[in-house]
Amino acid sequence: MSDLAIKIENLSKQYRLGQVGTGTMSHDLNRWWHQIRGKENPYLKIGESNDRSVKGNSEYVWALRDINLEVKKGEILGIIGKNGAGKSTLLKILSKVTSPSIGSIKTKGRLASLLEVGTGFHPEMTGRENIYMNGTIMGMNKLEITNKLEEIVDFAGVSRYLDTPVKRYSSGMTVRLGFAIAANLEPEILVVDEVLAVGDAEFQKKAIGKMQEVSKGGGRTVLFVTHNMASVKALCSSAVVLQNGLLDYIGSTNAAVENYLKKSTEAITLSKVWKTDKPGNEHIQINEFHIKPSLGNTVTIESGLDFMFSFNNNIEDINLAIGIHLFNYEDVIVFESSIFVSQENDSKNGTYTVKGKLLPYILNAGVYRIRIIFIQNQRYSLYKNENIIQFEIEDTFFDRGKNYNTVPGICRPNLNWTFKINS
């Protein structure tokens, strides 16, 4: 472990589903009987993977299974995966909030963790008192904490509320203070779960800068869990992908993000038609949504796009507008386009067909999704669908095919460069 900060070997965590404390006495007796006979826990031989979308047959589930991982000192490791993949369970085991069912974790140095809003805070104690309490738990003496107090308060931006009970803090203030404590009390290992999303843009920028500072400048290790792929790419030197409690991928950040996004995307298609169970509500129902190339037979960066969709409006004499939002595979919004159905007169109820066009050489190759919003009086949302259709633009330029990760950027303009040699 000379150059390692964390070493995880054969780590597994099993949970029993159902109501806690119901019908477990026989299981406890069975475990005890096996233990005094020197035998393995019988319930570790059963259980299913943690796929929350599939109904299982076992009352035991593996939140984590056979995790082996080494994290070097000074490394910023991103941990990504869907909800329920086991990310938070792994961090809770690292932080000793819970213990593993099988396997071991070895850490070198003090570990500070920020798992959830308010974790580690006593709501009746003031911000100042919580700073001293958390520092003491980390093994620091009062003088060391006092020397860091001003820096923590300044970073968190809560000086006015320092002597106010934490229970009166907003969630954003609580996160700011929690992160400031965890990052500024100089732990060798900093564990940060999906809590930065609670903070505002200014705080997120400061927090990411601080994590880079403690890693590169102080040589400390950071484990960072988030669903924001742009933050992972900007911050992490490497990343792992968890899927259904299993370690699915370990590698460079870009490769890990691409691996995760390709597996987490829904069906990629250029055409959807709904005969029954139409997306919508009592006001709006969507009948179909189609995307096709303006030129040629394949959607590429050169082809341009034709959009067409149909919907039913069930409200008479309505001032109706539609918002189309395009997101790329990193969930970054590319553009927003508005369709004013009622430009002069209120719209009648009935079926509408909408068409649009995107010129060639605007979008880069990649996977995209469309969010559609129907709005009344340019103010009230009648219906919103976050992923009405998901499609892919291929890269035929230089015969790249579908390998869209080779050229960075959202836009892919053709600037028609010219050159000449001056003799």
Foldseek 3Di string as FASTA:
>chain_A
DVFFFKWWFFFWAKDFDDDPPPPCPVLVVQQVVCVVVVHDRPCVVDADFQDVVDDDDHRMYILAGGDTDTHGFLFEEEEEEDVSLNPLVVVCCVVVVDHTPDTDMDGDWFEAEDREQPPQFDQQFFQQVSLQVVLVVSPDDPVLSVVQVVVLCVQLVCVVRRRPGNNPDDSQSSSSSSLSSRLRSLTLEYEYEASCVVHDPVSNVSSLVSLNCCSVVVRGYYYYYHLQLVSQVVRGQWYWYGGSNYTDDTDGSLVRLVVRLVVPDDDADFKDADPPPFPADPFKGWGMKGKAFCDDGAFALQGWIKIKTKMWGPDAFFFKKKKKWKAFSSRHTDDIDMGGPCPDTGDGTGMDMDMDIGHHQFFAWGKMFIKMFMDTPVPHTRHIDHGPHMHTHFYPVVHPGNPRSPDDDGTGHDPVDDDDDDD
